[in-house]
Amino acid sequence: MDSEPPENVKRLEEFLEERLKPKLLDAIAQRDKVFEKQKIFSDLRRNIENLEKNTVTSMRTLVNLGSEVYTEADAPDTRYIFVEVGFGFYVQLTWSEALNHIAAREKLLSRKIEDYTRIVATIKAEIGLILEGIKELLKRSH
């Protein structure tokens, strides 16, 4: 009895290891990045809602200068905030404008998460089919 798997099984295993598994890991990593962005916007929305609820007009806060180095900062007028809109650009917005912007971004991010989730499910299904195919080929060869 030959212990070496048939050539077609080897090719399927290579396809699985070299193409599908890396593709799956990449799709999961991309979806995780979108989840992180979604959390940032969710936190920002909650913070703005708290400012509105408590009618905060000025505040003292900590600002991250980078590499987890912080400094104190005074915000004498909190009616406007700066929100990053992409490519390193910030726009001055009222709380209401910022909340509208955040809602639109959250909606877009939710769609991206759904897209990545579908991609992940499709790749997992392909992996399952390949594994079943390998199993069938091995049964036939023995």
Foldseek 3Di string as FASTA:
>chain_A
DDPDADPVLVVLVCCCVVPLVVQLVVLVVVLVVLVVVLVVLVVVLVVLVVCVVVVDAKDWDWDQPPPRDIDIDIGNGQQWDWDDPDPPDTDIDGSVVSNVVSVVSNVVSVVSSVVSVVVNVVSVVVSVVSVVVSVVSVVVVD
